[in-house]
Amino acid sequence: MMTRLPNYRIALILILLGCAPWISAQSKSKVIAKGASLVQVASDCKFTEGPAADRRGNVYFTDQPNDRILKWSVEDGSVSVFMEGTGRSNGLYFDSDGSILACADEQNQLWKISLDKEVTVLLDKFENKRFNGPNDLWVDPQGGIYFTDPFYKRPYWSHEEPELERKDVYYLEPAREKVRVVASDLVQPNGIIGTPDGRSLYVADIGDSKTYRYQIAANGDLTDRILFVEMGSDGMTLDRKGNLYLTGDGVTVFNRKGRQIEHIPIGERWTANVCFGGEDMKTLFVTAMGSAYTLEMKVNGIR
């Protein structure tokens, strides 16, 4: 007669075999599709960053040390080079006209890149001082751009120290004529994402291991800062249910109340950034060190 093992013994065996993380992913997760597993879609990069989805669900991401932007195709899952000579682009986001907005920190600038690869420099200075190095960005429903400006000394810079005293969050108004500081008192702001309704903005202070949520005023100002979670993040995204995805040690997911509901191990030393893509926006796209991965989800993400 076959003896059936108790559930707790089965779980113990799976833990010993290293399968425990995907028990959650396959059966209990609130966000990961049943039976889903990570798929490595790129592995020949030096450091991947800045994933952003276009209207069709294709995902563009950066390989900053190689100074290029790559494209993951929603049609066949292939990865190809979209552009080289990108100003050492880091964070990316799509504008309403389908252009790529890029944190091009080779010259500490903010770029607009058309799909014909024509470059427009939107910003390079604040109060006649060079930015520290725009890192990540989000576009609000009106077309204004929020971006973080930490300082990470790059080997390709000739300067050693920042010209600006603080590491702030900035807002470039929709007309693209005026930029102003909207959040200060941060150690090293990095990841940033806003809600689709344009009412709330999340900012990760990776230097202080904290992520904050702000309310967005009608003029774009940030108010009513609250500590959302005591965890920083390199990059971040949201899904349609309001869950927040933070990166670093894999991908950690928090619900609207700041309670952790999932951790997705990636198996790389560092997970840099994350976004949703695919035709139905149910593909989680993860950039991690020299690789990029996809994971099918139960939930829809935001662009």
C-alpha atoms as a PDB file:
ATOM      1  CA  MET A   1       0.000   0.000   0.000  1.00  0.00           C
ATOM      2  CA  MET A   2       1.307   3.462  -0.893  1.00  0.00           C
ATOM      3  CA  THR A   3       1.754   5.720   2.122  1.00  0.00           C
ATOM      4  CA  ARG A   4       0.781   9.334   1.570  1.00  0.00           C
ATOM      5  CA  LEU A   5       3.156  11.856   3.146  1.00  0.00           C
ATOM      6  CA  PRO A   6       1.641  14.614   5.284  1.00  0.00           C
ATOM      7  CA  ASN A   7       1.630  18.047   3.661  1.00  0.00           C
ATOM      8  CA  TYR A   8       4.192  19.450   6.073  1.00  0.00           C
ATOM      9  CA  ARG A   9       6.654  16.695   5.128  1.00  0.00           C
ATOM     10  CA  ILE A  10       6.149  17.384   1.444  1.00  0.00           C
ATOM     11  CA  ALA A  11       6.827  21.049   2.087  1.00  0.00           C
ATOM     12  CA  LEU A  12       9.980  20.183   4.028  1.00  0.00           C
ATOM     13  CA  ILE A  13      11.268  18.016   1.185  1.00  0.00           C
ATOM     14  CA  LEU A  14      10.610  20.812  -1.318  1.00  0.00           C
ATOM     15  CA  ILE A  15      12.426  23.308   0.864  1.00  0.00           C
ATOM     16  CA  LEU A  16      15.439  20.997   1.053  1.00  0.00           C
ATOM     17  CA  LEU A  17      15.350  20.636  -2.724  1.00  0.00           C
ATOM     18  CA  GLY A  18      15.279  24.406  -3.157  1.00  0.00           C
ATOM     19  CA  CYS A  19      11.815  24.441  -4.713  1.00  0.00           C
ATOM     20  CA  ALA A  20      10.001  26.342  -1.990  1.00  0.00           C
ATOM     21  CA  PRO A  21       9.999  29.780  -3.673  1.00  0.00           C
ATOM     22  CA  TRP A  22       7.968  28.471  -6.579  1.00  0.00           C
ATOM     23  CA  ILE A  23       5.386  26.744  -4.415  1.00  0.00           C
ATOM     24  CA  SER A  24       4.133  30.263  -3.728  1.00  0.00           C
ATOM     25  CA  ALA A  25       4.532  31.235  -7.363  1.00  0.00           C
ATOM     26  CA  GLN A  26       2.531  28.308  -8.671  1.00  0.00           C
ATOM     27  CA  SER A  27      -0.276  27.899  -6.195  1.00  0.00           C
ATOM     28  CA  LYS A  28      -0.604  30.571  -3.532  1.00  0.00           C
ATOM     29  CA  SER A  29       0.593  33.790  -5.111  1.00  0.00           C
ATOM     30  CA  LYS A  30      -1.824  36.676  -5.484  1.00  0.00           C
ATOM     31  CA  VAL A  31       0.132  38.093  -8.402  1.00  0.00           C
ATOM     32  CA  ILE A  32       2.105  35.337 -10.196  1.00  0.00           C
ATOM     33  CA  ALA A  33       0.312  33.166 -12.744  1.00  0.00           C
ATOM     34  CA  LYS A  34      -0.151  29.522 -11.784  1.00  0.00           C
ATOM     35  CA  GLY A  35       2.715  27.387 -13.070  1.00  0.00           C
ATOM     36  CA  ALA A  36       4.743  30.414 -14.181  1.00  0.00           C
ATOM     37  CA  SER A  37       8.529  30.454 -14.002  1.00  0.00           C
ATOM     38  CA  LEU A  38      11.231  32.953 -14.860  1.00  0.00           C
ATOM     39  CA  VAL A  39      12.407  32.997 -18.465  1.00  0.00           C
ATOM     40  CA  GLN A  40      15.811  34.491 -19.227  1.00  0.00           C
ATOM     41  CA  VAL A  41      15.428  36.547 -22.412  1.00  0.00           C
ATOM     42  CA  ALA A  42      18.830  38.295 -22.476  1.00  0.00           C
ATOM     43  CA  SER A  43      22.185  37.328 -21.012  1.00  0.00           C
ATOM     44  CA  ASP A  44      24.885  39.122 -23.004  1.00  0.00           C
ATOM     45  CA  CYS A  45      24.731  42.490 -21.251  1.00  0.00           C
ATOM     46  CA  LYS A  46      26.953  44.169 -18.660  1.00  0.00           C
ATOM     47  CA  PHE A  47      24.276  45.844 -16.533  1.00  0.00           C
ATOM     48  CA  THR A  48      20.619  46.060 -17.508  1.00  0.00           C
ATOM     49  CA  GLU A  49      18.314  48.847 -16.368  1.00  0.00           C
ATOM     50  CA  GLY A  50      15.377  51.078 -17.190  1.00  0.00           C
ATOM     51  CA  PRO A  51      12.689  48.779 -18.699  1.00  0.00           C
ATOM     52  CA  ALA A  52       9.685  50.576 -20.193  1.00  0.00           C
ATOM     53  CA  ALA A  53       6.811  49.279 -22.319  1.00  0.00           C
ATOM     54  CA  ASP A  54       5.460  50.955 -25.442  1.00  0.00           C
ATOM     55  CA  ARG A  55       1.797  50.956 -26.465  1.00  0.00           C
ATOM     56  CA  ARG A  56       2.023  47.497 -27.998  1.00  0.00           C
ATOM     57  CA  GLY A  57       3.719  45.955 -24.989  1.00  0.00           C
ATOM     58  CA  ASN A  58       7.251  45.777 -26.402  1.00  0.00           C
ATOM     59  CA  VAL A  59       9.784  46.482 -23.664  1.00  0.00           C
ATOM     60  CA  TYR A  60      12.813  48.709 -24.185  1.00  0.00           C
ATOM     61  CA  PHE A  61      15.634  48.506 -21.656  1.00  0.00           C
ATOM     62  CA  THR A  62      19.164  49.788 -21.242  1.00  0.00           C
ATOM     63  CA  ASP A  63      22.570  48.145 -21.094  1.00  0.00           C
ATOM     64  CA  GLN A  64      24.296  51.168 -19.623  1.00  0.00           C
ATOM     65  CA  PRO A  65      27.973  50.080 -19.645  1.00  0.00           C
ATOM     66  CA  ASN A  66      27.588  49.171 -23.329  1.00  0.00           C
ATOM     67  CA  ASP A  67      25.738  52.463 -24.010  1.00  0.00           C
ATOM     68  CA  ARG A  68      22.794  50.893 -25.807  1.00  0.00           C
ATOM     69  CA  ILE A  69      19.029  50.450 -25.639  1.00  0.00           C
ATOM     70  CA  LEU A  70      17.636  46.999 -26.356  1.00  0.00           C
ATOM     71  CA  LYS A  71      14.130  45.959 -27.366  1.00  0.00           C
ATOM     72  CA  TRP A  72      12.213  42.857 -26.270  1.00  0.00           C
ATOM     73  CA  SER A  73       9.604  42.029 -28.920  1.00  0.00           C
ATOM     74  CA  VAL A  74       6.084  41.168 -27.812  1.00  0.00           C
ATOM     75  CA  GLU A  75       5.599  39.192 -31.035  1.00  0.00           C
ATOM     76  CA  ASP A  76       8.255  36.529 -30.632  1.00  0.00           C
ATOM     77  CA  GLY A  77      10.124  37.291 -27.391  1.00  0.00           C
ATOM     78  CA  SER A  78      13.339  38.125 -29.221  1.00  0.00           C
ATOM     79  CA  VAL A  79      15.760  40.817 -28.041  1.00  0.00           C
ATOM     80  CA  SER A  80      17.459  43.159 -30.481  1.00  0.00           C
ATOM     81  CA  VAL A  81      19.506  46.358 -30.343  1.00  0.00           C
ATOM     82  CA  PHE A  82      17.294  49.417 -30.813  1.00  0.00           C
ATOM     83  CA  MET A  83      19.971  52.086 -30.484  1.00  0.00           C
ATOM     84  CA  GLU A  84      23.632  52.566 -29.680  1.00  0.00           C
ATOM     85  CA  GLY A  85      25.175  55.799 -28.469  1.00  0.00           C
ATOM     86  CA  THR A  86      22.410  56.577 -25.986  1.00  0.00           C
ATOM     87  CA  GLY A  87      24.184  59.023 -23.696  1.00  0.00           C
ATOM     88  CA  ARG A  88      24.663  56.182 -21.200  1.00  0.00           C
ATOM     89  CA  SER A  89      20.905  56.013 -20.699  1.00  0.00           C
ATOM     90  CA  ASN A  90      19.665  54.517 -17.453  1.00  0.00           C
ATOM     91  CA  GLY A  91      15.956  54.916 -16.619  1.00  0.00           C
ATOM     92  CA  LEU A  92      13.464  55.043 -19.511  1.00  0.00           C
ATOM     93  CA  TYR A  93       9.781  55.931 -19.860  1.00  0.00           C
ATOM     94  CA  PHE A  94       7.488  56.471 -22.843  1.00  0.00           C
ATOM     95  CA  ASP A  95       5.952  59.838 -23.624  1.00  0.00           C
ATOM     96  CA  SER A  96       2.359  60.165 -24.860  1.00  0.00           C
ATOM     97  CA  ASP A  97       3.584  60.593 -28.454  1.00  0.00           C
ATOM     98  CA  GLY A  98       5.483  57.295 -28.350  1.00  0.00           C
ATOM     99  CA  SER A  99       8.927  58.808 -27.855  1.00  0.00           C
ATOM    100  CA  ILE A 100      11.382  57.443 -25.286  1.00  0.00           C
ATOM    101  CA  LEU A 101      12.341  59.688 -22.397  1.00  0.00           C
ATOM    102  CA  ALA A 102      15.768  58.736 -21.083  1.00  0.00           C
ATOM    103  CA  CYS A 103      17.924  59.594 -18.093  1.00  0.00           C
ATOM    104  CA  ALA A 104      21.117  60.049 -20.082  1.00  0.00           C
ATOM    105  CA  ASP A 105      23.721  60.483 -17.391  1.00  0.00           C
ATOM    106  CA  GLU A 106      26.849  60.565 -19.548  1.00  0.00           C
ATOM    107  CA  GLN A 107      26.404  64.354 -19.563  1.00  0.00           C
ATOM    108  CA  ASN A 108      23.862  64.407 -16.682  1.00  0.00           C
ATOM    109  CA  GLN A 109      20.961  65.111 -19.033  1.00  0.00           C
ATOM    110  CA  LEU A 110      17.333  64.228 -19.717  1.00  0.00           C
ATOM    111  CA  TRP A 111      16.740  63.150 -23.334  1.00  0.00           C
ATOM    112  CA  LYS A 112      13.797  62.614 -25.642  1.00  0.00           C
ATOM    113  CA  ILE A 113      14.469  59.934 -28.265  1.00  0.00           C
ATOM    114  CA  SER A 114      12.081  59.499 -31.194  1.00  0.00           C
ATOM    115  CA  LEU A 115      11.530  56.058 -32.682  1.00  0.00           C
ATOM    116  CA  ASP A 116      13.592  57.379 -35.601  1.00  0.00           C
ATOM    117  CA  LYS A 117      16.386  57.783 -33.004  1.00  0.00           C
ATOM    118  CA  GLU A 118      16.460  61.565 -33.195  1.00  0.00           C
ATOM    119  CA  VAL A 119      17.638  63.009 -29.875  1.00  0.00           C
ATOM    120  CA  THR A 120      16.387  66.159 -28.154  1.00  0.00           C
ATOM    121  CA  VAL A 121      18.066  67.266 -24.921  1.00  0.00           C
ATOM    122  CA  LEU A 122      15.252  68.355 -22.610  1.00  0.00           C
ATOM    123  CA  LEU A 123      17.380  69.249 -19.587  1.00  0.00           C
ATOM    124  CA  ASP A 124      21.020  69.438 -18.614  1.00  0.00           C
ATOM    125  CA  LYS A 125      21.180  72.043 -15.818  1.00  0.00           C
ATOM    126  CA  PHE A 126      19.279  73.351 -12.821  1.00  0.00           C
ATOM    127  CA  GLU A 127      19.972  76.920 -11.690  1.00  0.00           C
ATOM    128  CA  ASN A 128      22.979  76.850 -14.035  1.00  0.00           C
ATOM    129  CA  LYS A 129      24.451  73.813 -12.283  1.00  0.00           C
ATOM    130  CA  ARG A 130      24.884  70.354 -13.766  1.00  0.00           C
ATOM    131  CA  PHE A 131      22.453  67.716 -12.532  1.00  0.00           C
ATOM    132  CA  ASN A 132      23.938  64.985 -10.342  1.00  0.00           C
ATOM    133  CA  GLY A 133      22.837  62.298 -12.778  1.00  0.00           C
ATOM    134  CA  PRO A 134      19.133  61.798 -13.603  1.00  0.00           C
ATOM    135  CA  ASN A 135      18.398  58.173 -12.756  1.00  0.00           C
ATOM    136  CA  ASP A 136      14.750  57.195 -13.079  1.00  0.00           C
ATOM    137  CA  LEU A 137      11.567  58.925 -14.210  1.00  0.00           C
ATOM    138  CA  TRP A 138       7.789  58.833 -14.534  1.00  0.00           C
ATOM    139  CA  VAL A 139       5.411  60.784 -16.770  1.00  0.00           C
ATOM    140  CA  ASP A 140       2.135  62.034 -15.286  1.00  0.00           C
ATOM    141  CA  PRO A 141      -1.185  62.105 -17.215  1.00  0.00           C
ATOM    142  CA  GLN A 142      -0.614  65.768 -18.158  1.00  0.00           C
ATOM    143  CA  GLY A 143       2.803  65.031 -19.662  1.00  0.00           C
ATOM    144  CA  GLY A 144       4.907  66.391 -16.827  1.00  0.00           C
ATOM    145  CA  ILE A 145       8.056  64.443 -15.947  1.00  0.00           C
ATOM    146  CA  TYR A 146       9.119  63.519 -12.419  1.00  0.00           C
ATOM    147  CA  PHE A 147      12.701  62.299 -12.103  1.00  0.00           C
ATOM    148  CA  THR A 148      15.175  61.406  -9.381  1.00  0.00           C
ATOM    149  CA  ASP A 149      18.667  62.881  -9.308  1.00  0.00           C
ATOM    150  CA  PRO A 150      21.021  60.903  -7.054  1.00  0.00           C
ATOM    151  CA  PHE A 151      24.791  60.991  -7.381  1.00  0.00           C
ATOM    152  CA  TYR A 152      26.642  57.845  -8.450  1.00  0.00           C
ATOM    153  CA  LYS A 153      30.158  58.615  -9.574  1.00  0.00           C
ATOM    154  CA  ARG A 154      30.577  57.226 -13.083  1.00  0.00           C
ATOM    155  CA  PRO A 155      33.949  56.165 -14.495  1.00  0.00           C
ATOM    156  CA  TYR A 156      33.236  58.102 -17.704  1.00  0.00           C
ATOM    157  CA  TRP A 157      32.805  61.456 -15.884  1.00  0.00           C
ATOM    158  CA  SER A 158      35.612  63.985 -15.688  1.00  0.00           C
ATOM    159  CA  HIS A 159      34.201  65.574 -12.519  1.00  0.00           C
ATOM    160  CA  GLU A 160      34.527  63.970  -9.090  1.00  0.00           C
ATOM    161  CA  GLU A 161      31.993  65.941  -7.041  1.00  0.00           C
ATOM    162  CA  PRO A 162      28.416  67.040  -7.707  1.00  0.00           C
ATOM    163  CA  GLU A 163      27.678  70.684  -8.477  1.00  0.00           C
ATOM    164  CA  LEU A 164      24.315  70.557  -6.701  1.00  0.00           C
ATOM    165  CA  GLU A 165      24.384  70.268  -2.929  1.00  0.00           C
ATOM    166  CA  ARG A 166      21.285  68.079  -2.614  1.00  0.00           C
ATOM    167  CA  LYS A 167      19.915  64.935  -4.185  1.00  0.00           C
ATOM    168  CA  ASP A 168      16.336  65.823  -4.994  1.00  0.00           C
ATOM    169  CA  VAL A 169      13.286  64.853  -7.006  1.00  0.00           C
ATOM    170  CA  TYR A 170      12.427  67.245  -9.848  1.00  0.00           C
ATOM    171  CA  TYR A 171       9.354  68.010 -11.933  1.00  0.00           C
ATOM    172  CA  LEU A 172       9.584  69.180 -15.533  1.00  0.00           C
ATOM    173  CA  GLU A 173       6.258  70.834 -16.282  1.00  0.00           C
ATOM    174  CA  PRO A 174       4.160  69.612 -19.265  1.00  0.00           C
ATOM    175  CA  ALA A 175       5.158  72.577 -21.439  1.00  0.00           C
ATOM    176  CA  ARG A 176       8.786  71.445 -20.899  1.00  0.00           C
ATOM    177  CA  GLU A 177       9.856  75.031 -20.159  1.00  0.00           C
ATOM    178  CA  LYS A 178      10.252  74.998 -16.370  1.00  0.00           C
ATOM    179  CA  VAL A 179      11.774  72.499 -13.953  1.00  0.00           C
ATOM    180  CA  ARG A 180      11.584  72.685 -10.162  1.00  0.00           C
ATOM    181  CA  VAL A 181      12.401  70.687  -7.034  1.00  0.00           C
ATOM    182  CA  VAL A 182       9.355  68.898  -5.637  1.00  0.00           C
ATOM    183  CA  ALA A 183      10.931  66.617  -2.990  1.00  0.00           C
ATOM    184  CA  SER A 184      13.997  67.078  -0.800  1.00  0.00           C
ATOM    185  CA  ASP A 185      15.345  65.644   2.457  1.00  0.00           C
ATOM    186  CA  LEU A 186      16.353  62.405   0.741  1.00  0.00           C
ATOM    187  CA  VAL A 187      19.674  60.589   1.055  1.00  0.00           C
ATOM    188  CA  GLN A 188      19.802  58.958  -2.383  1.00  0.00           C
ATOM    189  CA  PRO A 189      16.493  59.003  -4.319  1.00  0.00           C
ATOM    190  CA  ASN A 190      16.298  56.362  -7.017  1.00  0.00           C
ATOM    191  CA  GLY A 191      13.207  54.411  -8.117  1.00  0.00           C
ATOM    192  CA  ILE A 192      10.032  56.372  -8.902  1.00  0.00           C
ATOM    193  CA  ILE A 193       6.529  55.531 -10.141  1.00  0.00           C
ATOM    194  CA  GLY A 194       3.131  57.209 -10.063  1.00  0.00           C
ATOM    195  CA  THR A 195      -0.419  55.905 -10.081  1.00  0.00           C
ATOM    196  CA  PRO A 196      -2.320  55.970 -13.396  1.00  0.00           C
ATOM    197  CA  ASP A 197      -4.790  58.541 -12.062  1.00  0.00           C
ATOM    198  CA  GLY A 198      -1.926  60.929 -11.370  1.00  0.00           C
ATOM    199  CA  ARG A 199      -2.831  61.335  -7.704  1.00  0.00           C
ATOM    200  CA  SER A 200       0.032  59.559  -5.923  1.00  0.00           C
ATOM    201  CA  LEU A 201       3.768  59.200  -6.443  1.00  0.00           C
ATOM    202  CA  TYR A 202       6.114  56.635  -4.898  1.00  0.00           C
ATOM    203  CA  VAL A 203       9.783  57.517  -4.440  1.00  0.00           C
ATOM    204  CA  ALA A 204      12.433  55.128  -3.153  1.00  0.00           C
ATOM    205  CA  ASP A 205      15.227  56.568  -1.037  1.00  0.00           C
ATOM    206  CA  ILE A 206      17.672  53.723  -1.564  1.00  0.00           C
ATOM    207  CA  GLY A 207      20.302  55.514   0.509  1.00  0.00           C
ATOM    208  CA  ASP A 208      18.050  55.430   3.566  1.00  0.00           C
ATOM    209  CA  SER A 209      16.285  52.085   2.902  1.00  0.00           C
ATOM    210  CA  LYS A 210      12.869  53.737   2.701  1.00  0.00           C
ATOM    211  CA  THR A 211      10.089  54.188   0.148  1.00  0.00           C
ATOM    212  CA  TYR A 212       7.683  57.118   0.475  1.00  0.00           C
ATOM    213  CA  ARG A 213       4.283  57.887  -0.973  1.00  0.00           C
ATOM    214  CA  TYR A 214       3.339  61.463  -1.848  1.00  0.00           C
ATOM    215  CA  GLN A 215       0.080  63.050  -2.905  1.00  0.00           C
ATOM    216  CA  ILE A 216       0.273  64.987  -6.175  1.00  0.00           C
ATOM    217  CA  ALA A 217      -1.297  68.444  -6.177  1.00  0.00           C
ATOM    218  CA  ALA A 218      -3.020  69.942  -9.217  1.00  0.00           C
ATOM    219  CA  ASN A 219       0.099  71.964 -10.094  1.00  0.00           C
ATOM    220  CA  GLY A 220       2.398  68.944  -9.791  1.00  0.00           C
ATOM    221  CA  ASP A 221       3.707  69.691  -6.310  1.00  0.00           C
ATOM    222  CA  LEU A 222       4.189  66.769  -3.923  1.00  0.00           C
ATOM    223  CA  THR A 223       2.449  66.898  -0.545  1.00  0.00           C
ATOM    224  CA  ASP A 224       1.546  64.708   2.446  1.00  0.00           C
ATOM    225  CA  ARG A 225       4.611  62.471   2.403  1.00  0.00           C
ATOM    226  CA  ILE A 226       4.172  59.224   4.299  1.00  0.00           C
ATOM    227  CA  LEU A 227       6.587  56.357   4.874  1.00  0.00           C
ATOM    228  CA  PHE A 228       5.175  53.498   2.820  1.00  0.00           C
ATOM    229  CA  VAL A 229       7.730  50.767   3.627  1.00  0.00           C
ATOM    230  CA  GLU A 230      11.136  50.643   5.282  1.00  0.00           C
ATOM    231  CA  MET A 231      12.838  49.340   2.179  1.00  0.00           C
ATOM    232  CA  GLY A 232      14.608  51.188  -0.597  1.00  0.00           C
ATOM    233  CA  SER A 233      14.589  50.231  -4.245  1.00  0.00           C
ATOM    234  CA  ASP A 234      16.595  50.670  -7.418  1.00  0.00           C
ATOM    235  CA  GLY A 235      13.573  50.639  -9.718  1.00  0.00           C
ATOM    236  CA  MET A 236       9.866  50.040  -9.224  1.00  0.00           C
ATOM    237  CA  THR A 237       6.485  49.566 -10.860  1.00  0.00           C
ATOM    238  CA  LEU A 238       2.797  49.176 -10.003  1.00  0.00           C
ATOM    239  CA  ASP A 239       0.104  46.785 -11.105  1.00  0.00           C
ATOM    240  CA  ARG A 240      -3.545  47.646 -11.742  1.00  0.00           C
ATOM    241  CA  LYS A 241      -4.514  46.512  -8.244  1.00  0.00           C
ATOM    242  CA  GLY A 242      -2.182  49.057  -6.702  1.00  0.00           C
ATOM    243  CA  ASN A 243       0.516  46.602  -5.619  1.00  0.00           C
ATOM    244  CA  LEU A 244       4.006  48.112  -5.577  1.00  0.00           C
ATOM    245  CA  TYR A 245       7.021  46.157  -6.896  1.00  0.00           C
ATOM    246  CA  LEU A 246      10.436  47.024  -5.431  1.00  0.00           C
ATOM    247  CA  THR A 247      13.823  45.713  -6.558  1.00  0.00           C
ATOM    248  CA  GLY A 248      17.225  44.921  -5.108  1.00  0.00           C
ATOM    249  CA  ASP A 249      17.135  41.429  -3.629  1.00  0.00           C
ATOM    250  CA  GLY A 250      14.917  40.050  -6.361  1.00  0.00           C
ATOM    251  CA  VAL A 251      11.479  41.662  -6.622  1.00  0.00           C
ATOM    252  CA  THR A 252       9.423  42.305  -3.489  1.00  0.00           C
ATOM    253  CA  VAL A 253       5.714  43.089  -3.834  1.00  0.00           C
ATOM    254  CA  PHE A 254       3.673  45.156  -1.361  1.00  0.00           C
ATOM    255  CA  ASN A 255      -0.068  45.738  -1.371  1.00  0.00           C
ATOM    256  CA  ARG A 256      -1.734  49.159  -1.061  1.00  0.00           C
ATOM    257  CA  LYS A 257      -1.350  49.062   2.725  1.00  0.00           C
ATOM    258  CA  GLY A 258       2.388  48.385   2.603  1.00  0.00           C
ATOM    259  CA  ARG A 259       2.128  44.723   3.554  1.00  0.00           C
ATOM    260  CA  GLN A 260       4.453  42.331   1.725  1.00  0.00           C
ATOM    261  CA  ILE A 261       2.490  39.822  -0.337  1.00  0.00           C
ATOM    262  CA  GLU A 262       5.217  38.292  -2.524  1.00  0.00           C
ATOM    263  CA  HIS A 263       8.945  37.930  -3.023  1.00  0.00           C
ATOM    264  CA  ILE A 264      10.256  36.819  -6.403  1.00  0.00           C
ATOM    265  CA  PRO A 265      13.841  35.497  -6.253  1.00  0.00           C
ATOM    266  CA  ILE A 266      15.763  36.271  -9.436  1.00  0.00           C
ATOM    267  CA  GLY A 267      19.034  34.442  -8.764  1.00  0.00           C
ATOM    268  CA  GLU A 268      21.283  37.398  -9.620  1.00  0.00           C
ATOM    269  CA  ARG A 269      23.432  39.444  -7.267  1.00  0.00           C
ATOM    270  CA  TRP A 270      21.305  42.525  -7.865  1.00  0.00           C
ATOM    271  CA  THR A 271      17.916  43.184  -9.435  1.00  0.00           C
ATOM    272  CA  ALA A 272      17.902  46.703 -10.863  1.00  0.00           C
ATOM    273  CA  ASN A 273      14.475  47.422 -12.281  1.00  0.00           C
ATOM    274  CA  VAL A 274      11.095  46.074 -13.299  1.00  0.00           C
ATOM    275  CA  CYS A 275       8.067  46.896 -15.457  1.00  0.00           C
ATOM    276  CA  PHE A 276       5.069  45.214 -17.069  1.00  0.00           C
ATOM    277  CA  GLY A 277       4.858  44.466 -20.782  1.00  0.00           C
ATOM    278  CA  GLY A 278       3.228  42.099 -23.248  1.00  0.00           C
ATOM    279  CA  GLU A 279       0.012  42.494 -25.229  1.00  0.00           C
ATOM    280  CA  ASP A 280      -2.183  42.265 -22.135  1.00  0.00           C
ATOM    281  CA  MET A 281       0.373  43.879 -19.783  1.00  0.00           C
ATOM    282  CA  LYS A 282       0.581  40.657 -17.775  1.00  0.00           C
ATOM    283  CA  THR A 283       4.272  39.965 -18.388  1.00  0.00           C
ATOM    284  CA  LEU A 284       6.618  41.131 -15.653  1.00  0.00           C
ATOM    285  CA  PHE A 285       9.917  42.221 -17.185  1.00  0.00           C
ATOM    286  CA  VAL A 286      12.918  42.230 -14.857  1.00  0.00           C
ATOM    287  CA  THR A 287      16.412  43.630 -15.428  1.00  0.00           C
ATOM    288  CA  ALA A 288      19.140  42.083 -13.281  1.00  0.00           C
ATOM    289  CA  MET A 289      22.887  42.526 -13.738  1.00  0.00           C
ATOM    290  CA  GLY A 290      23.832  41.145 -17.162  1.00  0.00           C
ATOM    291  CA  SER A 291      20.472  39.530 -17.808  1.00  0.00           C
ATOM    292  CA  ALA A 292      16.780  40.250 -18.344  1.00  0.00           C
ATOM    293  CA  TYR A 293      13.865  37.990 -17.442  1.00  0.00           C
ATOM    294  CA  THR A 294      10.137  37.662 -17.985  1.00  0.00           C
ATOM    295  CA  LEU A 295       7.509  36.157 -15.688  1.00  0.00           C
ATOM    296  CA  GLU A 296       3.834  35.676 -16.454  1.00  0.00           C
ATOM    297  CA  MET A 297       1.465  37.237 -13.938  1.00  0.00           C
ATOM    298  CA  LYS A 298      -2.163  37.051 -12.818  1.00  0.00           C
ATOM    299  CA  VAL A 299      -2.436  40.822 -12.668  1.00  0.00           C
ATOM    300  CA  ASN A 300      -2.193  43.541 -15.273  1.00  0.00           C
ATOM    301  CA  GLY A 301       0.513  46.141 -14.912  1.00  0.00           C
ATOM    302  CA  ILE A 302       0.644  49.807 -15.822  1.00  0.00           C
ATOM    303  CA  ARG A 303       2.709  51.393 -18.567  1.00  0.00           C
END
